[in-house]
């Protein structure tokens, strides 16, 4: 994935503050954005969700 360095830096800071990897943070942000657009995405197995 190509990403603007400023955006990546912001994601790295948020990920560190929330004790997540950059990969996990990007996935969470994508899921949130998709949910806001009405595209429901089930959480991955093992997250405590049925």
N, C-alpha and C. Protein backbone atom coordinates (compact mmCIF):
# COMPACT_ATOMS: atom_id res chain seq x y z
N UNK A 1 0.84 -1.16 0.00
CA UNK A 1 0.00 0.00 0.00
C UNK A 1 0.90 1.24 0.00
N UNK A 2 0.57 2.17 -0.84
CA UNK A 2 1.30 3.44 -0.82
C UNK A 2 0.55 4.39 0.10
N UNK A 3 1.32 5.14 0.88
CA UNK A 3 0.69 6.06 1.83
C UNK A 3 1.56 7.30 1.98
N UNK A 4 0.91 8.43 2.07
CA UNK A 4 1.60 9.69 2.26
C UNK A 4 2.39 9.62 3.57
N UNK A 5 3.66 10.05 3.56
CA UNK A 5 4.47 9.97 4.78
C UNK A 5 3.86 10.70 5.98
N UNK A 6 3.17 11.81 5.75
CA UNK A 6 2.54 12.53 6.86
C UNK A 6 1.41 11.70 7.47
N UNK A 7 0.65 11.04 6.62
CA UNK A 7 -0.45 10.19 7.11
C UNK A 7 0.13 9.01 7.89
N UNK A 8 1.15 8.39 7.35
CA UNK A 8 1.79 7.27 8.03
C UNK A 8 2.33 7.69 9.39
N UNK A 9 2.95 8.85 9.45
CA UNK A 9 3.48 9.35 10.72
C UNK A 9 2.35 9.54 11.74
N UNK A 10 1.23 10.09 11.30
CA UNK A 10 0.09 10.28 12.19
C UNK A 10 -0.45 8.94 12.68
N UNK A 11 -0.54 7.96 11.78
CA UNK A 11 -1.02 6.63 12.16
C UNK A 11 -0.06 5.99 13.16
N UNK A 12 1.23 6.14 12.94
CA UNK A 12 2.22 5.59 13.87
C UNK A 12 2.06 6.19 15.26
N UNK A 13 1.82 7.49 15.33
CA UNK A 13 1.65 8.15 16.64
C UNK A 13 0.39 7.66 17.34
N UNK A 14 -0.71 7.56 16.60
CA UNK A 14 -1.96 7.09 17.20
C UNK A 14 -1.82 5.64 17.64
N UNK A 15 -1.19 4.82 16.79
CA UNK A 15 -0.99 3.41 17.13
C UNK A 15 -0.18 3.27 18.42
N UNK A 16 0.88 4.03 18.54
CA UNK A 16 1.71 3.97 19.74
C UNK A 16 0.92 4.40 20.98
N UNK A 17 0.12 5.45 20.83
CA UNK A 17 -0.67 5.95 21.96
C UNK A 17 -1.72 4.93 22.40
N UNK A 18 -2.21 4.14 21.44
CA UNK A 18 -3.25 3.15 21.74
C UNK A 18 -2.69 1.73 21.89
N UNK A 19 -1.36 1.64 21.97
CA UNK A 19 -0.66 0.36 22.16
C UNK A 19 -1.03 -0.68 21.12
N UNK A 20 -1.08 -0.25 19.85
CA UNK A 20 -1.35 -1.15 18.74
C UNK A 20 -0.20 -1.08 17.75
N UNK A 21 -0.10 -2.12 16.94
CA UNK A 21 0.85 -2.07 15.83
C UNK A 21 0.26 -1.14 14.76
N UNK A 22 1.11 -0.67 13.87
CA UNK A 22 0.63 0.17 12.78
C UNK A 22 -0.36 -0.62 11.93
N UNK A 23 -0.07 -1.88 11.68
CA UNK A 23 -0.97 -2.72 10.89
C UNK A 23 -2.35 -2.80 11.54
N UNK A 24 -2.39 -3.08 12.84
CA UNK A 24 -3.66 -3.19 13.55
C UNK A 24 -4.40 -1.85 13.55
N UNK A 25 -3.65 -0.76 13.67
CA UNK A 25 -4.27 0.57 13.68
C UNK A 25 -4.89 0.88 12.33
N UNK A 26 -4.17 0.57 11.25
CA UNK A 26 -4.70 0.82 9.91
C UNK A 26 -5.97 0.01 9.70
N UNK A 27 -5.95 -1.27 10.10
CA UNK A 27 -7.14 -2.10 9.94
C UNK A 27 -8.31 -1.55 10.74
N UNK A 28 -8.05 -1.10 11.96
CA UNK A 28 -9.12 -0.54 12.78
C UNK A 28 -9.70 0.73 12.14
N UNK A 29 -8.83 1.60 11.65
CA UNK A 29 -9.29 2.82 11.01
C UNK A 29 -10.10 2.53 9.75
N UNK A 30 -9.66 1.54 8.98
CA UNK A 30 -10.41 1.15 7.78
C UNK A 30 -11.78 0.60 8.15
N UNK A 31 -11.84 -0.25 9.17
CA UNK A 31 -13.12 -0.80 9.62
C UNK A 31 -14.06 0.30 10.09
N UNK A 32 -13.54 1.27 10.86
CA UNK A 32 -14.37 2.38 11.32
C UNK A 32 -14.90 3.18 10.14
N UNK A 33 -14.05 3.47 9.18
CA UNK A 33 -14.47 4.24 8.01
C UNK A 33 -15.52 3.47 7.20
N UNK A 34 -15.33 2.17 7.04
CA UNK A 34 -16.30 1.37 6.31
C UNK A 34 -17.64 1.32 7.04
N UNK A 35 -17.60 1.16 8.35
CA UNK A 35 -18.83 1.14 9.14
C UNK A 35 -19.58 2.46 9.03
N UNK A 36 -18.87 3.59 9.03
CA UNK A 36 -19.51 4.90 8.88
C UNK A 36 -20.20 5.01 7.52
N UNK A 37 -19.69 4.30 6.53
CA UNK A 37 -20.29 4.33 5.19
C UNK A 37 -21.35 3.26 5.00
N UNK A 38 -21.63 2.54 6.07
CA UNK A 38 -22.67 1.53 6.00
C UNK A 38 -22.23 0.20 5.45
N UNK A 39 -20.93 -0.01 5.39
CA UNK A 39 -20.39 -1.29 4.92
C UNK A 39 -19.90 -2.05 6.15
N UNK A 40 -20.77 -2.94 6.65
CA UNK A 40 -20.41 -3.68 7.85
C UNK A 40 -19.35 -4.72 7.55
N UNK A 41 -18.32 -4.74 8.36
CA UNK A 41 -17.25 -5.72 8.23
C UNK A 41 -17.16 -6.45 9.56
N UNK A 42 -17.30 -7.76 9.51
CA UNK A 42 -17.21 -8.54 10.74
C UNK A 42 -15.79 -8.49 11.28
N UNK A 43 -15.65 -8.47 12.62
CA UNK A 43 -14.31 -8.51 13.20
C UNK A 43 -13.65 -9.86 12.91
N UNK A 44 -12.34 -9.89 12.90
CA UNK A 44 -11.65 -11.18 12.66
C UNK A 44 -11.95 -12.15 13.79
N UNK A 45 -11.89 -13.42 13.50
CA UNK A 45 -12.12 -14.44 14.52
C UNK A 45 -11.07 -14.28 15.61
N UNK A 46 -11.50 -14.53 16.85
CA UNK A 46 -10.56 -14.45 17.97
C UNK A 46 -10.60 -13.11 18.69
N UNK A 47 -11.48 -12.19 18.24
CA UNK A 47 -11.60 -10.90 18.91
C UNK A 47 -12.68 -10.90 19.99
N UNK A 48 -13.17 -12.09 20.35
CA UNK A 48 -14.21 -12.16 21.35
C UNK A 48 -15.60 -11.99 20.79
N UNK A 49 -15.70 -11.76 19.50
CA UNK A 49 -16.99 -11.62 18.85
C UNK A 49 -17.42 -12.96 18.28
N UNK A 50 -18.72 -13.25 18.37
CA UNK A 50 -19.19 -14.55 17.80
C UNK A 50 -19.14 -14.55 16.30
